[in-house]
Protein backbone atom coordinates (compact mmCIF):
# COMPACT_ATOMS: atom_id res chain seq x y z
CA UNK A 1 0.06 -10.18 20.78
CA UNK A 2 -0.46 -6.54 21.99
CA UNK A 3 -3.24 -4.41 20.20
CA UNK A 4 -0.46 -2.27 18.20
CA UNK A 5 0.86 -5.64 16.16
CA UNK A 6 -2.80 -6.54 15.33
CA UNK A 7 -3.16 -7.36 11.58
CA UNK A 8 -4.70 -4.69 9.94
CA UNK A 9 -5.60 -3.75 6.39
CA UNK A 10 -4.77 -0.52 5.10
CA UNK A 11 -6.65 1.12 2.21
CA UNK A 12 -4.70 3.82 0.42
CA UNK A 13 -5.56 5.86 -2.89
CA UNK A 14 -2.46 7.48 -3.97
CA UNK A 15 -2.87 10.95 -5.83
CA UNK A 16 -0.14 12.72 -8.13
CA UNK A 17 2.13 11.73 -10.88
CA UNK A 18 1.94 7.97 -9.86
CA UNK A 19 1.13 6.18 -13.45
CA UNK A 20 3.42 5.40 -15.86
CA UNK A 21 6.33 5.86 -13.48
CA UNK A 22 7.03 2.89 -11.96
CA UNK A 23 5.03 3.50 -8.68
CA UNK A 24 3.37 0.18 -8.53
CA UNK A 25 6.58 -1.66 -8.83
CA UNK A 26 8.38 0.23 -6.41
CA UNK A 27 5.31 0.02 -4.22
CA UNK A 28 5.19 -3.79 -4.46
CA UNK A 29 8.79 -4.02 -3.80
CA UNK A 30 8.77 -2.08 -0.51
CA UNK A 31 5.69 -4.23 0.60
CA UNK A 32 7.42 -7.58 -0.16
CA UNK A 33 10.75 -6.23 1.86
CA UNK A 34 8.21 -5.43 4.86
CA UNK A 35 6.57 -8.75 4.14
CA UNK A 36 3.13 -7.36 3.76
CA UNK A 37 0.39 -8.69 1.37
CA UNK A 38 -1.79 -7.13 -0.43
CA UNK A 39 -2.41 -5.59 -4.18
CA UNK A 40 -1.64 -2.50 -5.81
CA UNK A 41 -3.23 -1.54 -9.11
CA UNK A 42 -4.08 1.60 -11.34
CA UNK A 43 -7.19 3.42 -10.98
CA UNK A 44 -9.20 5.02 -14.28
CA UNK A 45 -8.89 8.37 -12.37
CA UNK A 46 -4.96 8.33 -12.88
CA UNK A 47 -4.58 7.39 -9.13
CA UNK A 48 -3.25 4.43 -7.95
CA UNK A 49 -4.98 2.03 -5.04
CA UNK A 50 -3.43 -0.22 -2.56
CA UNK A 51 -4.91 -2.82 -0.47
CA UNK A 52 -2.18 -4.17 1.93
CA UNK A 53 -2.16 -5.88 5.06
CA UNK A 54 0.11 -6.45 8.38
CA UNK A 55 0.74 -4.77 11.53
CA UNK A 56 0.06 -0.98 11.58
CA UNK A 57 3.57 -0.08 12.13
CA UNK A 58 4.88 -1.70 8.90
CA UNK A 59 1.91 -0.31 7.26
CA UNK A 60 2.96 3.44 8.12
CA UNK A 61 6.45 2.16 7.00
CA UNK A 62 5.44 1.54 3.85
CA UNK A 63 3.72 4.72 3.33
CA UNK A 64 6.42 6.83 4.70
CA UNK A 65 8.96 4.95 1.98
CA UNK A 66 6.39 5.72 -0.80
CA UNK A 67 6.04 9.37 -0.01
CA UNK A 68 9.78 9.94 -0.38
CA UNK A 69 10.19 7.64 -3.65
CA UNK A 70 7.61 9.55 -5.85
CA UNK A 71 5.94 12.67 -6.64
CA UNK A 72 2.78 12.12 -4.59
CA UNK A 73 0.38 15.14 -4.09
CA UNK A 74 -1.93 13.14 -1.55
CA UNK A 75 -2.62 9.95 0.01
CA UNK A 76 -6.18 8.94 1.38
CA UNK A 77 -6.01 6.11 3.70
CA UNK A 78 -8.21 4.22 5.77
CA UNK A 79 -7.38 1.43 8.19
CA UNK A 80 -9.74 -1.35 9.01
CA UNK A 81 -9.56 -5.21 10.24
CA UNK A 82 -8.25 -7.57 7.72
CA UNK A 83 -11.28 -8.80 6.33
CA UNK A 84 -9.91 -10.84 2.94
CA UNK A 85 -6.62 -12.95 3.01
CA UNK A 86 -4.09 -12.11 0.42
CA UNK A 87 -0.91 -14.32 -0.51
CA UNK A 88 1.95 -12.35 -1.00
CA UNK A 89 2.14 -8.64 -2.47
CA UNK A 90 0.94 -8.45 -6.10
CA UNK A 91 0.46 -5.96 -9.16
CA UNK A 92 -3.05 -6.21 -10.37
CA UNK A 93 -4.06 -5.44 -13.75
C-alpha cells in the first residue's frame, strides 16, 4: 500500500450554521457512501465535530462534499495516524 492510501484519521471542527439543520445526518450519509468509519457529534459551542478514518483521498472527498452541502463558515482540520478503531459511521449523542 502506498503512503497516500495509508489509513489516517481526520479530526474536523465545522463552524457555521451546522446544528439543527440535518448536518450530522448528511455527514453520516456521505461518510457511509465512501465507506469511512467514525463519528459526528454536536458540540456545546454550536459547532460540529467529526472523527473519521479512511484513506486521505476519501477524507478529502468527504470534506469537499460537506462544504457544498451546508452553510459552513470554516473547518478546522487535523490529520493523524488512526489511533482508535471505529465500526461504521455513527451520529454520537
